[in-house]
Amino acid sequence: VRITPEMSGLRIAQVLAEEGMMVREGQPLAILDAASLK
């Protein structure tokens, strides 16, 4: 399963998951900076 962003040009503000982690469906993995969208 590939997790891909739908938009280009947004800075990655937070990375919430690392290799080797077990995650549940819907668990946040990363947050993009929305400043350019405001």
Full PDB file with SEQRES, HELIX, SHEET, SSBOND, CRYST1, ORIGX, SCALE, CONECT and MASTER records, all heavy atoms in Angstrom:
SEQRES   1 A   38  VAL ARG ILE THR PRO GLU MET SER GLY LEU ARG ILE ALA          
SEQRES   2 A   38  GLN VAL LEU ALA GLU GLU GLY MET MET VAL ARG GLU GLY          
SEQRES   3 A   38  GLN PRO LEU ALA ILE LEU ASP ALA ALA SER LEU LYS              
HELIX    1 AA1 ALA A   35  LEU A   37  5                                   3    
SHEET    1 AA1 2 ILE A  12  VAL A  15  0                                        
SHEET    2 AA1 2 ALA A  30  LEU A  32 -1                                        
CRYST1    1.000    1.000    1.000  90.00  90.00  90.00 P 1           1          
ORIGX1      1.000000  0.000000  0.000000        0.00000                         
ORIGX2      0.000000  1.000000  0.000000        0.00000                         
ORIGX3      0.000000  0.000000  1.000000        0.00000                         
SCALE1      1.000000  0.000000  0.000000        0.00000                         
SCALE2      0.000000  1.000000  0.000000        0.00000                         
SCALE3      0.000000  0.000000  1.000000        0.00000                         
ATOM      1  N   VAL A   1       0.868  -1.175   0.000  1.00  0.00           N  
ATOM      2  CA  VAL A   1       0.000   0.000   0.000  1.00  0.00           C  
ATOM      3  C   VAL A   1       0.905   1.225   0.000  1.00  0.00           C  
ATOM      4  O   VAL A   1       1.749   1.372   0.895  1.00  0.00           O  
ATOM      5  CB  VAL A   1      -0.930   0.024   1.217  1.00  0.00           C  
ATOM      6  CG1 VAL A   1      -1.806   1.281   1.201  1.00  0.00           C  
ATOM      7  CG2 VAL A   1      -1.810  -1.228   1.246  1.00  0.00           C  
ATOM      8  N   ARG A   2       0.733   2.089  -0.989  1.00  0.00           N  
ATOM      9  CA  ARG A   2       1.554   3.297  -1.081  1.00  0.00           C  
ATOM     10  C   ARG A   2       0.772   4.496  -0.563  1.00  0.00           C  
ATOM     11  O   ARG A   2      -0.383   4.697  -0.940  1.00  0.00           O  
ATOM     12  CB  ARG A   2       1.995   3.541  -2.532  1.00  0.00           C  
ATOM     13  CG  ARG A   2       2.895   2.446  -3.075  1.00  0.00           C  
ATOM     14  CD  ARG A   2       3.410   2.807  -4.450  1.00  0.00           C  
ATOM     15  NE  ARG A   2       4.325   1.789  -4.963  1.00  0.00           N  
ATOM     16  CZ  ARG A   2       5.042   1.922  -6.071  1.00  0.00           C  
ATOM     17  NH1 ARG A   2       4.941   3.030  -6.795  1.00  0.00           N  
ATOM     18  NH2 ARG A   2       5.859   0.953  -6.451  1.00  0.00           N  
ATOM     19  N   ILE A   3       1.433   5.273   0.273  1.00  0.00           N  
ATOM     20  CA  ILE A   3       0.828   6.490   0.820  1.00  0.00           C  
ATOM     21  C   ILE A   3       1.426   7.670   0.068  1.00  0.00           C  
ATOM     22  O   ILE A   3       2.622   7.963   0.208  1.00  0.00           O  
ATOM     23  CB  ILE A   3       1.092   6.621   2.330  1.00  0.00           C  
ATOM     24  CG1 ILE A   3       0.763   5.311   3.058  1.00  0.00           C  
ATOM     25  CG2 ILE A   3       0.310   7.781   2.893  1.00  0.00           C  
ATOM     26  CD1 ILE A   3      -0.662   4.857   2.913  1.00  0.00           C  
ATOM     27  N   THR A   4       0.622   8.329  -0.756  1.00  0.00           N  
ATOM     28  CA  THR A   4       1.113   9.404  -1.622  1.00  0.00           C  
ATOM     29  C   THR A   4       0.318  10.678  -1.406  1.00  0.00           C  
ATOM     30  O   THR A   4      -0.893  10.628  -1.151  1.00  0.00           O  
ATOM     31  CB  THR A   4       1.017   8.999  -3.102  1.00  0.00           C  
ATOM     32  OG1 THR A   4      -0.367   8.759  -3.428  1.00  0.00           O  
ATOM     33  CG2 THR A   4       1.799   7.727  -3.382  1.00  0.00           C  
ATOM     34  N   PRO A   5       0.951  11.838  -1.513  1.00  0.00           N  
ATOM     35  CA  PRO A   5       0.216  13.103  -1.414  1.00  0.00           C  
ATOM     36  C   PRO A   5      -0.519  13.400  -2.722  1.00  0.00           C  
ATOM     37  O   PRO A   5      -0.085  12.984  -3.795  1.00  0.00           O  
ATOM     38  CB  PRO A   5       1.321  14.129  -1.158  1.00  0.00           C  
ATOM     39  CG  PRO A   5       2.532  13.534  -1.817  1.00  0.00           C  
ATOM     40  CD  PRO A   5       2.404  12.050  -1.671  1.00  0.00           C  
ATOM     41  N   GLU A   6      -1.622  14.100  -2.607  1.00  0.00           N  
ATOM     42  CA  GLU A   6      -2.399  14.468  -3.788  1.00  0.00           C  
ATOM     43  C   GLU A   6      -1.968  15.809  -4.361  1.00  0.00           C  
ATOM     44  O   GLU A   6      -2.356  16.152  -5.480  1.00  0.00           O  
ATOM     45  CB  GLU A   6      -3.888  14.513  -3.444  1.00  0.00           C  
ATOM     46  CG  GLU A   6      -4.457  13.176  -2.984  1.00  0.00           C  
ATOM     47  CD  GLU A   6      -5.934  13.263  -2.707  1.00  0.00           C  
ATOM     48  OE1 GLU A   6      -6.529  14.334  -2.962  1.00  0.00           O  
ATOM     49  OE2 GLU A   6      -6.509  12.274  -2.230  1.00  0.00           O  
ATOM     50  N   MET A   7      -1.177  16.567  -3.591  1.00  0.00           N  
ATOM     51  CA  MET A   7      -0.792  17.914  -4.029  1.00  0.00           C  
ATOM     52  C   MET A   7       0.718  18.056  -4.063  1.00  0.00           C  
ATOM     53  O   MET A   7       1.431  17.449  -3.255  1.00  0.00           O  
ATOM     54  CB  MET A   7      -1.398  18.968  -3.083  1.00  0.00           C  
ATOM     55  CG  MET A   7      -2.915  19.013  -3.097  1.00  0.00           C  
ATOM     56  SD  MET A   7      -3.583  20.106  -1.818  1.00  0.00           S  
ATOM     57  CE  MET A   7      -3.269  19.127  -0.339  1.00  0.00           C  
ATOM     58  N   SER A   8       1.199  18.854  -4.976  1.00  0.00           N  
ATOM     59  CA  SER A   8       2.627  19.157  -5.095  1.00  0.00           C  
ATOM     60  C   SER A   8       2.932  20.493  -4.433  1.00  0.00           C  
ATOM     61  O   SER A   8       2.049  21.340  -4.260  1.00  0.00           O  
ATOM     62  CB  SER A   8       3.043  19.202  -6.567  1.00  0.00           C  
ATOM     63  OG  SER A   8       2.853  17.957  -7.181  1.00  0.00           O  
ATOM     64  N   GLY A   9       4.191  20.664  -4.073  1.00  0.00           N  
ATOM     65  CA  GLY A   9       4.645  21.960  -3.593  1.00  0.00           C  
ATOM     66  C   GLY A   9       4.397  22.232  -2.122  1.00  0.00           C  
ATOM     67  O   GLY A   9       4.581  23.379  -1.682  1.00  0.00           O  
ATOM     68  N   LEU A  10       4.002  21.221  -1.337  1.00  0.00           N  
ATOM     69  CA  LEU A  10       3.765  21.437   0.088  1.00  0.00           C  
ATOM     70  C   LEU A  10       4.939  20.872   0.888  1.00  0.00           C  
ATOM     71  O   LEU A  10       5.403  19.763   0.631  1.00  0.00           O  
ATOM     72  CB  LEU A  10       2.461  20.776   0.526  1.00  0.00           C  
ATOM     73  CG  LEU A  10       1.185  21.281  -0.149  1.00  0.00           C  
ATOM     74  CD1 LEU A  10      -0.034  20.587   0.433  1.00  0.00           C  
ATOM     75  CD2 LEU A  10       1.057  22.797  -0.017  1.00  0.00           C  
ATOM     76  N   ARG A  11       5.380  21.626   1.861  1.00  0.00           N  
ATOM     77  CA  ARG A  11       6.498  21.192   2.697  1.00  0.00           C  
ATOM     78  C   ARG A  11       6.018  20.174   3.726  1.00  0.00           C  
ATOM     79  O   ARG A  11       4.923  20.294   4.277  1.00  0.00           O  
ATOM     80  CB  ARG A  11       7.120  22.400   3.398  1.00  0.00           C  
ATOM     81  CG  ARG A  11       8.393  22.083   4.169  1.00  0.00           C  
ATOM     82  CD  ARG A  11       8.965  23.372   4.782  1.00  0.00           C  
ATOM     83  NE  ARG A  11       8.047  23.926   5.758  1.00  0.00           N  
ATOM     84  CZ  ARG A  11       7.976  23.547   7.035  1.00  0.00           C  
ATOM     85  NH1 ARG A  11       8.796  22.592   7.483  1.00  0.00           N  
ATOM     86  NH2 ARG A  11       7.116  24.110   7.845  1.00  0.00           N  
ATOM     87  N   ILE A  12       6.837  19.158   3.975  1.00  0.00           N  
ATOM     88  CA  ILE A  12       6.509  18.159   4.989  1.00  0.00           C  
ATOM     89  C   ILE A  12       6.836  18.755   6.355  1.00  0.00           C  
ATOM     90  O   ILE A  12       7.996  18.982   6.690  1.00  0.00           O  
ATOM     91  CB  ILE A  12       7.294  16.859   4.757  1.00  0.00           C  
ATOM     92  CG1 ILE A  12       6.937  16.274   3.382  1.00  0.00           C  
ATOM     93  CG2 ILE A  12       6.988  15.846   5.855  1.00  0.00           C  
ATOM     94  CD1 ILE A  12       7.739  15.037   3.017  1.00  0.00           C  
ATOM     95  N   ALA A  13       5.790  19.014   7.154  1.00  0.00           N  
ATOM     96  CA  ALA A  13       5.961  19.683   8.444  1.00  0.00           C  
ATOM     97  C   ALA A  13       6.223  18.699   9.578  1.00  0.00           C  
ATOM     98  O   ALA A  13       6.970  19.013  10.514  1.00  0.00           O  
ATOM     99  CB  ALA A  13       4.722  20.522   8.766  1.00  0.00           C  
ATOM    100  N   GLN A  14       5.617  17.514   9.521  1.00  0.00           N  
ATOM    101  CA  GLN A  14       5.804  16.520  10.575  1.00  0.00           C  
ATOM    102  C   GLN A  14       5.828  15.124   9.968  1.00  0.00           C  
ATOM    103  O   GLN A  14       5.066  14.831   9.051  1.00  0.00           O  
ATOM    104  CB  GLN A  14       4.682  16.583  11.621  1.00  0.00           C  
ATOM    105  CG  GLN A  14       4.607  17.878  12.403  1.00  0.00           C  
ATOM    106  CD  GLN A  14       3.517  17.827  13.462  1.00  0.00           C  
ATOM    107  OE1 GLN A  14       3.449  16.901  14.274  1.00  0.00           O  
ATOM    108  NE2 GLN A  14       2.656  18.829  13.441  1.00  0.00           N  
ATOM    109  N   VAL A  15       6.709  14.270  10.494  1.00  0.00           N  
ATOM    110  CA  VAL A  15       6.750  12.848  10.122  1.00  0.00           C  
ATOM    111  C   VAL A  15       6.416  12.072  11.382  1.00  0.00           C  
ATOM    112  O   VAL A  15       7.140  12.151  12.378  1.00  0.00           O  
ATOM    113  CB  VAL A  15       8.128  12.446   9.573  1.00  0.00           C  
ATOM    114  CG1 VAL A  15       8.149  10.955   9.243  1.00  0.00           C  
ATOM    115  CG2 VAL A  15       8.456  13.258   8.324  1.00  0.00           C  
ATOM    116  N   LEU A  16       5.330  11.312  11.345  1.00  0.00           N  
ATOM    117  CA  LEU A  16       4.794  10.674  12.540  1.00  0.00           C  
ATOM    118  C   LEU A  16       4.986   9.161  12.570  1.00  0.00           C  
ATOM    119  O   LEU A  16       4.555   8.514  13.524  1.00  0.00           O  
ATOM    120  CB  LEU A  16       3.294  10.993  12.663  1.00  0.00           C  
ATOM    121  CG  LEU A  16       2.936  12.485  12.613  1.00  0.00           C  
ATOM    122  CD1 LEU A  16       1.433  12.658  12.643  1.00  0.00           C  
ATOM    123  CD2 LEU A  16       3.587  13.229  13.772  1.00  0.00           C  
ATOM    124  N   ALA A  17       5.595   8.590  11.558  1.00  0.00           N  
ATOM    125  CA  ALA A  17       5.773   7.134  11.501  1.00  0.00           C  
ATOM    126  C   ALA A  17       7.172   6.804  11.016  1.00  0.00           C  
ATOM    127  O   ALA A  17       7.756   7.538  10.214  1.00  0.00           O  
ATOM    128  CB  ALA A  17       4.731   6.501  10.586  1.00  0.00           C  
ATOM    129  N   GLU A  18       7.705   5.698  11.517  1.00  0.00           N  
ATOM    130  CA  GLU A  18       9.039   5.252  11.157  1.00  0.00           C  
ATOM    131  C   GLU A  18       8.977   3.830  10.607  1.00  0.00           C  
ATOM    132  O   GLU A  18       7.991   3.115  10.802  1.00  0.00           O  
ATOM    133  CB  GLU A  18       9.974   5.288  12.370  1.00  0.00           C  
ATOM    134  CG  GLU A  18      10.172   6.671  12.969  1.00  0.00           C  
ATOM    135  CD  GLU A  18      10.915   7.612  12.039  1.00  0.00           C  
ATOM    136  OE1 GLU A  18      11.621   7.111  11.132  1.00  0.00           O  
ATOM    137  OE2 GLU A  18      10.798   8.837  12.225  1.00  0.00           O  
ATOM    138  N   GLU A  19      10.042   3.434   9.919  1.00  0.00           N  
ATOM    139  CA  GLU A  19      10.124   2.069   9.402  1.00  0.00           C  
ATOM    140  C   GLU A  19      10.068   1.065  10.553  1.00  0.00           C  
ATOM    141  O   GLU A  19      10.664   1.267  11.600  1.00  0.00           O  
ATOM    142  CB  GLU A  19      11.417   1.879   8.601  1.00  0.00           C  
ATOM    143  CG  GLU A  19      11.452   2.665   7.309  1.00  0.00           C  
ATOM    144  CD  GLU A  19      12.731   2.450   6.527  1.00  0.00           C  
ATOM    145  OE1 GLU A  19      13.550   1.618   6.966  1.00  0.00           O  
ATOM    146  OE2 GLU A  19      12.917   3.099   5.483  1.00  0.00           O  
ATOM    147  N   GLY A  20       9.330  -0.004  10.321  1.00  0.00           N  
ATOM    148  CA  GLY A  20       9.200  -1.040  11.340  1.00  0.00           C  
ATOM    149  C   GLY A  20       7.991  -0.876  12.239  1.00  0.00           C  
ATOM    150  O   GLY A  20       7.690  -1.771  13.034  1.00  0.00           O  
ATOM    151  N   MET A  21       7.284   0.257  12.124  1.00  0.00           N  
ATOM    152  CA  MET A  21       6.106   0.485  12.963  1.00  0.00           C  
ATOM    153  C   MET A  21       4.886  -0.230  12.384  1.00  0.00           C  
ATOM    154  O   MET A  21       4.682  -0.233  11.177  1.00  0.00           O  
ATOM    155  CB  MET A  21       5.804   1.984  13.075  1.00  0.00           C  
ATOM    156  CG  MET A  21       6.722   2.758  13.983  1.00  0.00           C  
ATOM    157  SD  MET A  21       6.264   4.530  14.067  1.00  0.00           S  
ATOM    158  CE  MET A  21       4.542   4.405  14.599  1.00  0.00           C  
ATOM    159  N   MET A  22       4.090  -0.825  13.264  1.00  0.00           N  
ATOM    160  CA  MET A  22       2.783  -1.331  12.881  1.00  0.00           C  
ATOM    161  C   MET A  22       1.782  -0.201  13.080  1.00  0.00           C  
ATOM    162  O   MET A  22       1.751   0.450  14.131  1.00  0.00           O  
ATOM    163  CB  MET A  22       2.400  -2.541  13.731  1.00  0.00           C  
ATOM    164  CG  MET A  22       3.206  -3.789  13.438  1.00  0.00           C  
ATOM    165  SD  MET A  22       2.916  -4.458  11.772  1.00  0.00           S  
ATOM    166  CE  MET A  22       1.169  -4.862  11.859  1.00  0.00           C  
ATOM    167  N   VAL A  23       0.964   0.045  12.077  1.00  0.00           N  
ATOM    168  CA  VAL A  23       0.000   1.141  12.138  1.00  0.00           C  
ATOM    169  C   VAL A  23      -1.395   0.601  11.861  1.00  0.00           C  
ATOM    170  O   VAL A  23      -1.564  -0.427  11.202  1.00  0.00           O  
ATOM    171  CB  VAL A  23       0.356   2.260  11.139  1.00  0.00           C  
ATOM    172  CG1 VAL A  23       1.690   2.890  11.492  1.00  0.00           C  
ATOM    173  CG2 VAL A  23       0.395   1.733   9.708  1.00  0.00           C  
ATOM    174  N   ARG A  24      -2.377   1.318  12.336  1.00  0.00           N  
ATOM    175  CA  ARG A  24      -3.766   0.949  12.087  1.00  0.00           C  
ATOM    176  C   ARG A  24      -4.305   1.782  10.931  1.00  0.00           C  
ATOM    177  O   ARG A  24      -3.741   2.825  10.575  1.00  0.00           O  
ATOM    178  CB  ARG A  24      -4.610   1.166  13.336  1.00  0.00           C  
ATOM    179  CG  ARG A  24      -4.721   2.631  13.732  1.00  0.00           C  
ATOM    180  CD  ARG A  24      -5.508   2.832  15.018  1.00  0.00           C  
ATOM    181  NE  ARG A  24      -5.696   4.241  15.315  1.00  0.00           N  
ATOM    182  CZ  ARG A  24      -4.802   5.013  15.903  1.00  0.00           C  
ATOM    183  NH1 ARG A  24      -3.634   4.494  16.276  1.00  0.00           N  
ATOM    184  NH2 ARG A  24      -5.048   6.291  16.126  1.00  0.00           N  
ATOM    185  N   GLU A  25      -5.379   1.357  10.355  1.00  0.00           N  
ATOM    186  CA  GLU A  25      -6.004   2.116   9.268  1.00  0.00           C  
ATOM    187  C   GLU A  25      -6.472   3.466   9.795  1.00  0.00           C  
ATOM    188  O   GLU A  25      -7.108   3.566  10.843  1.00  0.00           O  
ATOM    189  CB  GLU A  25      -7.178   1.345   8.696  1.00  0.00           C  
ATOM    190  CG  GLU A  25      -7.831   2.017   7.501  1.00  0.00           C  
ATOM    191  CD  GLU A  25      -8.918   1.164   6.885  1.00  0.00           C  
ATOM    192  OE1 GLU A  25      -9.120   0.017   7.337  1.00  0.00           O  
ATOM    193  OE2 GLU A  25      -9.576   1.637   5.932  1.00  0.00           O  
ATOM    194  N   GLY A  26      -6.120   4.532   9.069  1.00  0.00           N  
ATOM    195  CA  GLY A  26      -6.500   5.878   9.473  1.00  0.00           C  
ATOM    196  C   GLY A  26      -5.517   6.564  10.393  1.00  0.00           C  
ATOM    197  O   GLY A  26      -5.685   7.753  10.700  1.00  0.00           O  
ATOM    198  N   GLN A  27      -4.479   5.872  10.825  1.00  0.00           N  
ATOM    199  CA  GLN A  27      -3.489   6.484  11.721  1.00  0.00           C  
ATOM    200  C   GLN A  27      -2.674   7.529  10.975  1.00  0.00           C  
ATOM    201  O   GLN A  27      -2.169   7.276   9.879  1.00  0.00           O  
ATOM    202  CB  GLN A  27      -2.566   5.412  12.290  1.00  0.00           C  
ATOM    203  CG  GLN A  27      -1.505   5.958  13.248  1.00  0.00           C  
ATOM    204  CD  GLN A  27      -0.706   4.857  13.900  1.00  0.00           C  
ATOM    205  OE1 GLN A  27      -1.179   3.732  14.041  1.00  0.00           O  
ATOM    206  NE2 GLN A  27       0.516   5.159  14.316  1.00  0.00           N  
ATOM    207  N   PRO A  28      -2.510   8.753  11.532  1.00  0.00           N  
ATOM    208  CA  PRO A  28      -1.730   9.798  10.863  1.00  0.00           C  
ATOM    209  C   PRO A  28      -0.264   9.384  10.697  1.00  0.00           C  
ATOM    210  O   PRO A  28       0.343   8.858  11.624  1.00  0.00           O  
ATOM    211  CB  PRO A  28      -1.869  11.002  11.792  1.00  0.00           C  
ATOM    212  CG  PRO A  28      -3.095  10.731  12.607  1.00  0.00           C  
ATOM    213  CD  PRO A  28      -3.146   9.244  12.772  1.00  0.00           C  
ATOM    214  N   LEU A  29       0.283   9.622   9.503  1.00  0.00           N  
ATOM    215  CA  LEU A  29       1.671   9.281   9.212  1.00  0.00           C  
ATOM    216  C   LEU A  29       2.530  10.525   9.000  1.00  0.00           C  
ATOM    217  O   LEU A  29       3.720  10.514   9.316  1.00  0.00           O  
ATOM    218  CB  LEU A  29       1.743   8.391   7.970  1.00  0.00           C  
ATOM    219  CG  LEU A  29       0.925   7.093   8.007  1.00  0.00           C  
ATOM    220  CD1 LEU A  29       1.116   6.318   6.713  1.00  0.00           C  
ATOM    221  CD2 LEU A  29       1.296   6.245   9.207  1.00  0.00           C  
ATOM    222  N   ALA A  30       1.942  11.563   8.430  1.00  0.00           N  
ATOM    223  CA  ALA A  30       2.697  12.799   8.176  1.00  0.00           C  
ATOM    224  C   ALA A  30       1.711  13.956   8.054  1.00  0.00           C  
ATOM    225  O   ALA A  30       0.537  13.761   7.717  1.00  0.00           O  
ATOM    226  CB  ALA A  30       3.540  12.681   6.917  1.00  0.00           C  
ATOM    227  N   ILE A  31       2.217  15.163   8.318  1.00  0.00           N  
ATOM    228  CA  ILE A  31       1.409  16.378   8.186  1.00  0.00           C  
ATOM    229  C   ILE A  31       2.167  17.344   7.289  1.00  0.00           C  
ATOM    230  O   ILE A  31       3.370  17.576   7.471  1.00  0.00           O  
ATOM    231  CB  ILE A  31       1.139  17.019   9.557  1.00  0.00           C  
ATOM    232  CG1 ILE A  31       0.301  16.067  10.426  1.00  0.00           C  
ATOM    233  CG2 ILE A  31       0.415  18.354   9.394  1.00  0.00           C  
ATOM    234  CD1 ILE A  31       0.054  16.574  11.831  1.00  0.00           C  
ATOM    235  N   LEU A  32       1.455  17.875   6.302  1.00  0.00           N  
ATOM    236  CA  LEU A  32       2.041  18.826   5.360  1.00  0.00           C  
ATOM    237  C   LEU A  32       1.724  20.248   5.805  1.00  0.00           C  
ATOM    238  O   LEU A  32       0.680  20.516   6.402  1.00  0.00           O  
ATOM    239  CB  LEU A  32       1.494  18.578   3.951  1.00  0.00           C  
ATOM    240  CG  LEU A  32       1.597  17.131   3.441  1.00  0.00           C  
ATOM    241  CD1 LEU A  32       1.015  17.028   2.033  1.00  0.00           C  
ATOM    242  CD2 LEU A  32       3.033  16.650   3.459  1.00  0.00           C  
ATOM    243  N   ASP A  33       2.631  21.149   5.495  1.00  0.00           N  
ATOM    244  CA  ASP A  33       2.454  22.553   5.865  1.00  0.00           C  
ATOM    245  C   ASP A  33       1.385  23.176   4.980  1.00  0.00           C  
ATOM    246  O   ASP A  33       1.536  23.231   3.754  1.00  0.00           O  
ATOM    247  CB  ASP A  33       3.778  23.293   5.714  1.00  0.00           C  
ATOM    248  CG  ASP A  33       3.714  24.703   6.276  1.00  0.00           C  
ATOM    249  OD1 ASP A  33       2.650  25.102   6.782  1.00  0.00           O  
ATOM    250  OD2 ASP A  33       4.741  25.412   6.213  1.00  0.00           O  
ATOM    251  N   ALA A  34       0.314  23.699   5.596  1.00  0.00           N  
ATOM    252  CA  ALA A  34      -0.804  24.272   4.845  1.00  0.00           C  
ATOM    253  C   ALA A  34      -0.681  25.780   4.680  1.00  0.00           C  
ATOM    254  O   ALA A  34      -1.617  26.419   4.180  1.00  0.00           O  
ATOM    255  CB  ALA A  34      -2.118  23.942   5.546  1.00  0.00           C  
ATOM    256  N   ALA A  35       0.468  26.344   5.071  1.00  0.00           N  
ATOM    257  CA  ALA A  35       0.604  27.801   5.021  1.00  0.00           C  
ATOM    258  C   ALA A  35       0.397  28.341   3.612  1.00  0.00           C  
ATOM    259  O   ALA A  35      -0.233  29.401   3.414  1.00  0.00           O  
ATOM    260  CB  ALA A  35       1.979  28.208   5.558  1.00  0.00           C  
ATOM    261  N   SER A  36       0.897  27.608   2.602  1.00  0.00           N  
ATOM    262  CA  SER A  36       0.770  28.100   1.228  1.00  0.00           C  
ATOM    263  C   SER A  36      -0.658  28.002   0.700  1.00  0.00           C  
ATOM    264  O   SER A  36      -0.980  28.621  -0.321  1.00  0.00           O  
ATOM    265  CB  SER A  36       1.710  27.307   0.309  1.00  0.00           C  
ATOM    266  OG  SER A  36       1.355  25.928   0.312  1.00  0.00           O  
ATOM    267  N   LEU A  37      -1.510  27.245   1.392  1.00  0.00           N  
ATOM    268  CA  LEU A  37      -2.888  27.086   0.941  1.00  0.00           C  
ATOM    269  C   LEU A  37      -3.828  28.113   1.569  1.00  0.00           C  
ATOM    270  O   LEU A  37      -4.940  28.316   1.064  1.00  0.00           O  
ATOM    271  CB  LEU A  37      -3.395  25.674   1.275  1.00  0.00           C  
ATOM    272  CG  LEU A  37      -2.626  24.518   0.639  1.00  0.00           C  
ATOM    273  CD1 LEU A  37      -3.202  23.191   1.109  1.00  0.00           C  
ATOM    274  CD2 LEU A  37      -2.679  24.605  -0.874  1.00  0.00           C  
ATOM    275  N   LYS A  38      -3.402  28.750   2.647  1.00  0.00           N  
ATOM    276  CA  LYS A  38      -4.282  29.697   3.338  1.00  0.00           C  
ATOM    277  C   LYS A  38      -4.648  30.906   2.481  1.00  0.00           C  
ATOM    278  O   LYS A  38      -5.820  31.318   2.474  1.00  0.00           O  
ATOM    279  CB  LYS A  38      -3.636  30.133   4.654  1.00  0.00           C  
ATOM    280  CG  LYS A  38      -3.559  29.012   5.686  1.00  0.00           C  
ATOM    281  CD  LYS A  38      -2.904  29.477   6.972  1.00  0.00           C  
ATOM    282  CE  LYS A  38      -2.855  28.340   7.985  1.00  0.00           C  
ATOM    283  NZ  LYS A  38      -2.199  28.745   9.257  1.00  0.00           N  
TER     284      LYS A  38                                                      
MASTER        0    0    0    1    2    0    0    6  283    1    0    3          
END                                                                             
